[in-house]
Every structure is written in structure tokens, then in C-alpha cells.
Protein backbone atom coordinates (compact mmCIF):
# COMPACT_ATOMS: atom_id res chain seq x y z
CA MET A 1 -7.39 57.17 20.60
CA LYS A 2 -9.81 59.39 22.51
CA PHE A 3 -10.27 60.46 26.11
CA LEU A 4 -12.58 62.66 28.16
CA PHE A 5 -11.46 65.41 30.52
CA THR A 6 -13.52 67.32 33.05
CA GLY A 7 -12.76 69.22 36.23
CA ASP A 8 -14.23 71.66 38.73
CA VAL A 9 -17.39 69.62 39.17
CA HIS A 10 -17.81 70.81 42.80
CA LEU A 11 -20.21 68.22 44.14
CA GLY A 12 -21.63 69.39 47.46
CA HIS A 13 -21.86 72.99 46.29
CA TYR A 14 -24.10 75.17 48.46
CA LYS A 15 -25.99 76.76 45.55
CA VAL A 16 -26.18 74.06 42.88
CA PRO A 17 -27.49 70.82 44.42
CA SER A 18 -25.59 67.59 43.90
CA ASP A 19 -28.63 65.79 42.51
CA LEU A 20 -28.70 68.23 39.59
CA ILE A 21 -24.96 67.99 38.95
CA ARG A 22 -25.13 64.19 39.19
CA ALA A 23 -27.97 64.00 36.66
CA ARG A 24 -26.12 66.32 34.26
CA LEU A 25 -22.89 64.36 34.61
CA LYS A 26 -24.74 61.14 33.85
CA LYS A 27 -26.53 62.62 30.85
CA HIS A 28 -23.66 64.49 29.22
CA PHE A 29 -20.37 63.05 30.52
CA VAL A 30 -20.83 59.51 31.84
CA SER A 31 -22.91 58.55 28.80
CA ARG A 32 -19.91 59.23 26.55
CA ILE A 33 -17.44 57.01 28.40
CA LYS A 34 -18.20 54.13 26.04
CA GLU A 35 -16.99 56.29 23.12
CA VAL A 36 -13.45 56.85 24.46
CA ASP A 37 -10.41 54.92 25.67
CA PHE A 38 -10.04 56.47 29.12
CA VAL A 39 -11.30 59.26 31.39
CA VAL A 40 -9.41 62.01 33.26
CA ILE A 41 -10.85 64.00 36.17
CA GLY A 42 -8.84 67.21 36.58
CA GLY A 43 -9.53 67.98 40.24
CA ASP A 44 -12.16 69.66 42.43
CA TRP A 45 -14.58 66.80 41.99
CA TYR A 46 -15.88 67.86 45.39
CA ASP A 47 -16.64 71.38 46.55
CA CYS A 48 -16.25 70.80 50.28
CA GLU A 49 -15.98 68.14 52.91
CA ILE A 50 -18.84 65.69 52.42
CA SER A 51 -20.45 64.85 55.76
CA LEU A 52 -22.71 61.87 56.44
CA VAL A 53 -25.28 64.29 57.87
CA ASP A 54 -25.26 66.41 54.71
CA ASN A 55 -28.47 65.98 52.72
CA GLN A 56 -26.39 66.01 49.52
CA VAL A 57 -24.15 63.09 50.54
CA GLY A 58 -26.09 60.45 48.58
CA ASP A 59 -25.82 62.22 45.25
CA ALA A 60 -22.34 63.61 45.88
CA LEU A 61 -21.03 60.08 46.38
CA GLY A 62 -23.45 58.55 43.88
CA ALA A 63 -22.04 60.67 41.04
CA GLY A 64 -18.67 58.98 41.54
CA ASP A 65 -20.35 55.57 41.62
CA ASP A 66 -22.07 56.33 38.30
CA LEU A 67 -18.72 57.19 36.75
CA LEU A 68 -16.92 54.10 38.07
CA LYS A 69 -19.67 51.66 37.14
CA GLU A 70 -19.87 52.94 33.56
CA ALA A 71 -16.07 52.87 33.19
CA HIS A 72 -15.97 49.31 34.57
CA LEU A 73 -18.78 48.20 32.26
CA HIS A 74 -16.82 49.33 29.19
CA ASN A 75 -13.34 48.55 30.58
CA LYS A 76 -12.12 52.18 30.53
CA PRO A 77 -9.38 53.40 32.92
CA VAL A 78 -10.21 56.34 35.19
CA LEU A 79 -7.42 58.78 36.13
CA ILE A 80 -8.16 61.31 38.89
CA LEU A 81 -6.00 64.32 39.78
CA ARG A 82 -6.36 65.95 43.19
CA GLY A 83 -7.57 69.53 43.02
CA THR A 84 -7.50 72.27 45.63
CA ILE A 85 -7.13 70.94 49.18
CA SER A 86 -10.01 73.07 50.48
CA HIS A 87 -12.29 71.38 47.93
CA ASP A 88 -11.18 67.79 47.37
CA ARG A 89 -9.44 67.49 50.75
CA ASN A 90 -8.55 63.80 51.18
CA GLN A 91 -11.85 62.60 49.79
CA LEU A 92 -10.62 61.10 46.51
CA ARG A 93 -9.98 57.93 48.50
CA LEU A 94 -13.77 57.55 48.46
CA PHE A 95 -13.39 56.43 44.84
CA GLU A 96 -11.23 53.54 46.03
CA VAL A 97 -13.79 52.71 48.72
CA SER A 98 -16.57 52.70 46.12
CA LYS A 99 -14.54 50.52 43.78
CA THR A 100 -14.22 47.91 46.51
CA GLN A 101 -17.81 48.15 47.73
CA LEU A 102 -19.22 47.96 44.20
CA GLY A 103 -17.06 44.94 43.38
CA LEU A 104 -15.28 46.63 40.47
CA ASP A 105 -12.07 44.67 40.96
CA THR A 106 -10.90 44.86 37.34
CA LEU A 107 -11.38 48.63 36.99
CA ASP A 108 -8.14 50.51 36.32
CA LEU A 109 -8.47 53.41 38.79
CA ARG A 110 -5.52 55.75 39.38
CA ILE A 111 -5.44 58.69 41.79
CA TYR A 112 -2.67 61.31 41.72
CA ASN A 113 -2.09 63.31 44.91
CA LYS A 114 1.40 64.51 44.02
CA ILE A 115 3.43 65.36 40.91
CA SER A 116 3.57 62.13 38.95
CA VAL A 117 4.44 60.66 35.57
CA ASP A 118 2.56 57.67 34.24
CA ASP A 119 1.84 55.87 30.97
CA LEU A 120 -1.35 54.52 29.49
CA ASN A 121 -2.07 52.97 26.10
CA GLY A 122 1.30 54.14 24.82
CA LEU A 123 0.81 57.72 25.98
CA LYS A 124 3.25 59.40 28.38
CA LEU A 125 1.33 61.48 30.91
CA GLY A 126 2.21 64.01 33.61
CA PHE A 127 0.06 65.01 36.59
CA VAL A 128 0.42 68.23 38.63
CA PRO A 129 -2.09 68.72 41.49
CA ASP A 130 -2.87 71.99 43.29
CA ASP A 131 -1.47 73.26 46.61
CA LEU A 132 2.07 72.08 45.94
CA PRO A 133 4.70 72.35 48.70
CA TYR A 134 7.11 74.25 46.44
CA SER A 135 8.25 77.85 46.44
CA SER A 136 8.00 78.43 42.68
CA SER A 137 6.73 76.97 39.44
CA GLN A 138 10.32 76.28 38.40
CA GLU A 139 10.77 74.03 41.43
CA ALA A 140 7.55 72.17 40.60
CA ILE A 141 8.60 71.75 36.96
CA GLN A 142 11.94 70.34 38.10
CA VAL A 143 10.13 67.74 40.21
CA LEU A 144 8.10 66.79 37.14
CA ARG A 145 11.29 66.50 35.09
CA ASP A 146 12.82 64.34 37.82
CA ARG A 147 9.85 61.99 37.59
CA MET A 148 10.36 61.90 33.81
CA ASP A 149 14.04 61.04 34.26
CA GLU A 150 13.13 58.17 36.55
CA LYS A 151 11.11 56.66 33.70
CA GLY A 152 13.63 57.62 31.02
CA TYR A 153 11.22 60.02 29.30
CA LYS A 154 12.46 63.04 27.35
CA GLU A 155 8.95 64.15 26.40
CA LEU A 156 5.38 63.79 27.59
CA ASP A 157 2.31 63.61 25.37
CA TYR A 158 0.04 65.39 27.86
CA VAL A 159 0.32 67.05 31.24
CA PHE A 160 -2.76 67.53 33.43
CA VAL A 161 -2.59 70.51 35.80
CA HIS A 162 -4.89 71.77 38.51
CA GLY A 163 -3.59 75.30 38.99
CA CYS A 164 -2.94 78.75 37.56
CA PHE A 165 -0.95 80.24 34.70
CA HIS A 166 0.30 83.83 34.51
CA HIS A 167 -1.55 84.57 31.28
CA ILE A 168 -4.99 84.14 32.88
CA PHE A 169 -4.43 87.07 35.27
CA PRO A 170 -4.97 90.75 34.46
CA GLU A 171 -1.61 92.53 34.49
CA ASN A 172 -2.51 94.63 37.53
CA VAL A 173 -3.27 91.62 39.76
CA THR A 174 0.06 91.12 41.49
CA LYS A 175 -0.80 88.62 44.22
CA ARG A 176 -0.72 85.17 42.67
CA PRO A 177 -0.10 81.64 43.95
CA LYS A 178 3.59 80.91 44.37
CA CYS A 179 3.36 78.01 41.90
CA THR A 180 1.76 80.01 39.10
CA PHE A 181 3.07 78.53 35.84
CA ARG A 182 4.04 80.17 32.54
CA TYR A 183 2.80 78.73 29.27
CA ASP A 184 6.41 78.45 28.01
CA GLU A 185 7.55 76.26 30.93
CA PHE A 186 6.41 73.05 29.22
CA PRO A 187 8.63 72.66 26.11
CA PHE A 188 8.80 68.91 26.80
CA VAL A 189 5.05 68.47 26.18
CA LYS A 190 4.27 67.30 22.67
CA LYS A 191 0.54 67.93 22.49
CA LYS A 192 -1.40 69.70 25.28
CA VAL A 193 -1.27 70.86 28.88
CA ILE A 194 -4.87 70.32 29.97
CA CYS A 195 -5.96 72.29 33.01
CA ALA A 196 -8.62 72.73 35.65
CA HIS A 197 -9.08 75.24 38.50
CA ILE A 198 -10.13 78.25 36.40
CA HIS A 199 -13.85 77.98 35.66
CA THR A 200 -13.77 79.87 32.35
CA PRO A 201 -12.64 77.89 29.28
CA SER A 202 -9.59 79.30 27.49
CA GLU A 203 -6.67 78.29 25.29
CA LYS A 204 -3.19 79.75 24.76
CA GLU A 205 -0.47 77.90 22.88
CA LEU A 206 -0.40 74.38 24.40
CA ILE A 207 -2.38 75.39 27.49
CA ILE A 208 -6.11 74.65 27.51
CA TYR A 209 -8.58 75.15 30.35
CA ALA A 210 -11.76 73.10 30.11
CA GLY A 211 -13.64 75.38 32.53
CA SER A 212 -16.07 74.10 35.14
CA PHE A 213 -18.61 71.42 34.29
CA ASP A 214 -21.54 73.53 35.50
CA ARG A 215 -22.26 77.17 36.37
CA LEU A 216 -21.79 77.73 40.09
CA ARG A 217 -21.90 81.49 40.71
CA GLN A 218 -22.58 84.90 39.24
CA GLY A 219 -20.12 85.90 36.54
CA GLU A 220 -20.16 82.41 34.99
CA GLU A 221 -22.49 83.03 32.08
CA GLU A 222 -20.37 81.33 29.42
CA ALA A 223 -21.03 77.81 28.10
CA LYS A 224 -20.04 75.02 30.48
CA GLY A 225 -19.03 71.46 29.77
CA PHE A 226 -15.96 69.27 29.24
CA LEU A 227 -13.40 68.19 26.65
CA MET A 228 -13.05 65.24 24.35
CA ILE A 229 -9.49 64.85 23.09
CA GLU A 230 -8.74 62.84 19.96
CA ASP A 231 -5.09 61.81 20.04
CA HIS A 232 -2.95 61.36 16.95
CA LYS A 233 0.70 60.43 16.61
CA ASP A 234 2.07 64.00 16.50
CA HIS A 235 -0.93 66.17 17.45
CA CYS A 236 -4.40 66.11 18.95
CA ASN A 237 -7.83 67.57 18.30
CA THR A 238 -9.85 68.97 21.21
CA THR A 239 -13.62 69.30 21.17
CA PHE A 240 -15.60 71.22 23.78
CA ILE A 241 -18.86 69.42 24.60
CA GLU A 242 -21.43 71.65 26.26
CA ASN A 243 -23.45 70.83 29.33
CA THR A 244 -26.60 72.31 27.88
CA ASP A 245 -28.46 71.87 31.19
CA ALA A 246 -26.02 74.01 33.20
CA THR A 247 -27.57 76.19 35.90
CA CYS A 248 -28.53 79.70 34.79
CA PHE A 249 -26.64 82.56 36.45
CA LYS A 250 -27.38 85.90 34.80
CA SER A 251 -26.93 89.58 35.62
CA VAL A 252 -29.00 92.48 34.32
CA LEU A 253 -27.88 96.10 34.47
CA ILE A 254 -30.73 98.50 35.27
CA LYS A 255 -29.73 102.16 35.20
CA GLU A 256 -33.27 103.47 35.56
CA LYS A 257 -34.02 105.11 38.91
CA ASP A 258 -37.80 104.94 38.57
CA ILE A 259 -39.16 101.68 40.02
CA GLU A 260 -41.93 101.27 37.43
CA LYS A 261 -39.48 101.62 34.51
CA ALA A 262 -37.06 99.28 36.29
CA ILE A 263 -39.82 96.67 36.71
CA ARG A 264 -40.54 96.79 32.98
CA ILE A 265 -36.87 96.19 32.16
CA PHE A 266 -36.70 93.38 34.72
CA THR A 267 -39.88 91.76 33.40
CA LYS A 268 -38.59 91.82 29.83
CA PHE A 269 -35.33 90.26 31.01
CA VAL A 270 -37.11 87.47 32.92
CA SER A 271 -39.39 86.73 29.96
CA LYS A 272 -36.37 85.29 28.11
CA LEU A 273 -35.60 82.78 30.87
CA ASP A 274 -36.75 79.17 31.14
CA LEU A 275 -38.69 79.41 34.40
CA THR A 276 -39.10 75.63 34.59
CA LYS A 277 -35.44 75.49 35.61
CA LYS A 278 -33.45 77.02 38.47
CA ASN A 279 -32.35 80.61 37.72
CA PHE A 280 -30.03 82.80 39.78
CA ILE A 281 -30.59 86.43 38.81
CA ARG A 282 -28.55 89.43 39.92
CA VAL A 283 -29.75 92.98 39.31
CA LEU A 284 -27.06 95.67 39.13
CA CYS A 285 -28.78 98.92 40.02
CA THR A 286 -28.13 102.44 41.27
CA SER A 287 -29.69 102.31 44.75
CA ALA A 288 -30.56 99.90 47.53
CA GLU A 289 -34.13 101.21 47.44
CA LEU A 290 -34.47 100.11 43.83
CA GLY A 291 -32.83 96.75 44.54
CA VAL A 292 -35.19 96.06 47.45
CA GLY A 293 -38.19 97.18 45.41
CA LEU A 294 -37.30 94.78 42.61
CA ARG A 295 -36.73 92.03 45.17
CA LYS A 296 -40.29 92.46 46.47
CA PHE A 297 -41.64 92.44 42.91
CA SER A 298 -39.62 89.35 42.03
CA GLN A 299 -40.70 87.43 45.14
CA LYS A 300 -44.34 88.17 44.41
CA THR A 301 -44.29 87.68 40.64
CA TYR A 302 -41.51 85.13 40.14
CA PRO A 303 -41.18 83.20 43.43
CA GLU A 304 -39.16 80.50 41.69
CA LEU A 305 -36.29 82.93 40.92
CA GLU A 306 -33.23 83.21 43.16
CA TYR A 307 -32.92 87.00 43.28
CA ASP A 308 -30.01 89.16 44.41
CA TYR A 309 -28.90 92.70 43.69
CA GLY A 310 -25.74 94.77 43.75
CA LEU A 311 -25.10 98.50 43.65
CA ILE A 312 -23.21 100.33 40.92
CA ASN A 313 -21.62 103.76 40.74
CA SER A 314 -20.30 105.83 37.84
CA ALA A 315 -17.08 103.82 37.53
CA LEU A 316 -18.89 100.47 37.40
CA ASN A 317 -21.52 102.03 35.17
CA LYS A 318 -18.90 102.53 32.46
CA LEU A 319 -17.52 99.01 32.76
CA LEU A 320 -20.90 97.27 32.94
CA ASP A 321 -22.40 98.90 29.88
CA VAL A 322 -24.36 96.09 28.25
CA LYS A 323 -22.86 96.92 24.86
CA LYS A 324 -19.37 96.12 26.09
CA GLU A 325 -17.62 92.91 27.01
CA PRO A 326 -18.36 91.81 30.61
CA MET A 327 -15.77 92.64 33.24
CA VAL A 328 -13.70 89.62 34.28
CA LEU A 329 -11.63 89.88 37.43
CA THR A 330 -9.31 86.98 38.25
CA LEU A 331 -7.59 86.53 41.60
CA GLY A 332 -4.76 84.25 42.60
CA ASP A 333 -6.44 83.47 45.91
CA ALA A 334 -10.09 82.83 46.58
CA PRO A 335 -11.94 86.19 46.71
CA THR A 336 -12.49 87.40 50.27
CA PRO A 337 -13.57 90.72 51.80
CA ALA A 338 -9.88 91.26 52.57
CA ASN A 339 -8.37 90.87 49.09
CA LEU A 340 -11.18 91.60 46.63
CA PRO A 341 -11.61 95.35 47.33
CA GLN A 342 -8.04 96.19 46.41
CA ALA A 343 -8.22 94.02 43.29
CA VAL A 344 -11.41 95.80 42.21
CA LEU A 345 -9.77 99.17 42.81
CA SER A 346 -6.76 98.20 40.72
CA TYR A 347 -9.02 97.04 37.91
CA LEU A 348 -11.20 100.13 37.86
CA GLY A 349 -8.41 102.66 38.27
CA GLU A 350 -10.93 105.11 39.67
CA THR A 351 -9.75 107.07 42.72
CA HIS A 352 -13.26 108.17 43.72
CA LEU A 353 -14.26 104.56 44.47
CA THR A 354 -12.85 104.16 47.95
CA LEU A 355 -11.63 100.97 49.55
CA GLU A 356 -14.08 101.50 52.40
CA ARG A 357 -16.97 101.74 49.92
CA VAL A 358 -16.09 98.42 48.25
CA GLN A 359 -15.70 96.72 51.62
CA ALA A 360 -19.10 98.03 52.67
CA LEU A 361 -20.69 96.59 49.53
CA LEU A 362 -19.05 93.23 50.16
CA GLU A 363 -20.34 93.12 53.69
CA ARG A 364 -23.84 93.87 52.36
CA ALA A 365 -23.52 90.95 49.94
CA ARG A 366 -22.03 88.50 52.47
CA PRO A 367 -24.38 85.52 53.05
CA ASN A 368 -25.78 85.16 56.56
CA GLY A 369 -23.52 82.98 58.68
């Protein structure tokens, strides 16, 4: 038995248009539905509230229609877990509306807005959405166990979670969601705990994050895609399938202070990009003057690029050395000008980088409006 899992699709995203995400879903994900026994959506199908006046509404809703029609055609159940409230909101009901309007009466469509236990094709499944009304992960786990008891289950084959685990955070990030789970809290799961919410793929013990379906922001330069899980009686095999058309977000570190030398580095960097596709480029440089100068050059020479720049100092210089692993900073809450500066300070451990300086840089980078 096989099934597909994807999450963090974020239709309606302000940077990556829904028509592109829809086309990539159809090409890479929807096209594989016929190969499996069922499909699981792990939450954050939407990025924001979809308004009828939004120019993305047709493709944001159409992507769900594509999924449902293909699943109905091949008689494959579709299981959908609610993600973060600020993203999915109450919009998963739009799947039920589409099912009715498209006349897909025989489609097995299941939506999980609360902790639930279900069964399908002989598999025992658990579902844990985000933004739970509980004070701790232990309380949430107990609710899941209560749902298991109601069905007489001692074990589950899989649990699908939209949320966070302690092991994904750097040790010095202390503010985390109250329902942050531990990887050892699921001894009753036989095979895998399959997760969404964190956009970077990872795996620890039974816990596996698929990562987001597409790249959506700077810092997401890793491969994007989804999972195919092949179930066996006492184990499973997971395969990551790449969305090879994912949007390009890349950063280049330019330490040169001379604009002509910086332009040569930038030009060499851009020469490796596929300029027929959308590219979001961020230059990390030593001065605003250099960043603005490169912006002018980019706008004139590469008008199709989405250009941005950020400033570095000696502390960031050490961490962003291109020969080292990229810095990854994970927060329990969404990054804001209020919580990100202190998290950056904790990560760097450099006293000469002041809180006021980081806040000033964030304000410079804040989008208009």
C-alpha cells in the first residue's frame, strides 16, 4: 500500500503566485495520485484568507479542484489535516463545497480540524492539527490516547502532525509553542509520525518532516517536494519526490567594498541562474551604498530578477562564510520585529551586535505597508 503526503503548500502566497504553485502541484503531485491508495494533505494548504476580489482566487481554489477531480477519477480517498489557523483559517470547508459543486459524490473526503483517530484500508491513523487549545504536549497526547481508547486501539500505524518538535529548535531558542512535542512522546506509533509546519525536510527517529512543497522565502534553498510512503506490515519506506520546478530563492555573500568588483561577483553568480524562470536574489553586503549600487545594476541589466539586499557585520561575516554550512534560525512563533532580534542575538553570541542595530535592519527590510 502506498500514499502521498504533502503540506505547507501556501496557496495565495504574496511572493509565489498561485498559478505557478497550481501548475507544479498538477505536474508533480496530482499526476501521481493514480499510483497510490490515498492522499494526505498535512495542513497549510492555504497561506492566507482567500478573498473573491483576490486575483489569485481562481488558481488557489482551482488547485484543490485539480486534486479532488483526480482523486475521484481513480477512486482514491483524500485526507486533509488543518494547519495553522492564520493560514488555513476555516477554509478547508471549501474542499467540501468543491466536492458538491463538481458532482464528486462518491469521493471519500475527510477533513480533520481537531485531534482525531481514524482508519483506512486497514491502517490506524492519528491526526493532530496546529493551534491546539491545550497547555502542553502531554495534554494533547492524552487527548489522542483517549481517541484511541474510544476505538479500542493500543497502537497507531501513522500519526500526522501539523506542529513543532523540540529537536528542530536550536538549544538557545527558549520561546516555543506550548504544544511543542518530543520525539519520544509517540511510543504507540508503529511506523512514522509524518509532519508539516516546518518548511525544511528532516528526520529523527520516527519523526519525519516533508518540508514545504515549494520555496516561499529567502533561506529556503534546499530541495522542495513531498513524500511517497510505501507501507508494509511492520515498517514503511519513505521516498522524497522533488518539485524540480520550485521557485528559486538564493543569497550571495559579497564582502568586496568596491562596486566594480562586487558587480563582477554578482554577474558571475547570476550567470548560473535560469533567467527564464522567476528568481528571488538577496545580496548580503557590507554597506547600504553597495547594496543600492547593485540594485541599480540589477534593475538595468537583469530586470527580470527580484532583487533585495541585507547588511552584514563582522559577526555575520563569520557565520555566512560561503565555505561553511548556512545559518539556520528556527523560531517557535512566526518571526516578527519584536521576537527575531533577540533570537538572532542569542544565536550569534556576539555582544557588539546590539538589539537596536538588529531592529533597525529589520525595519529597513520590512515591506511597504
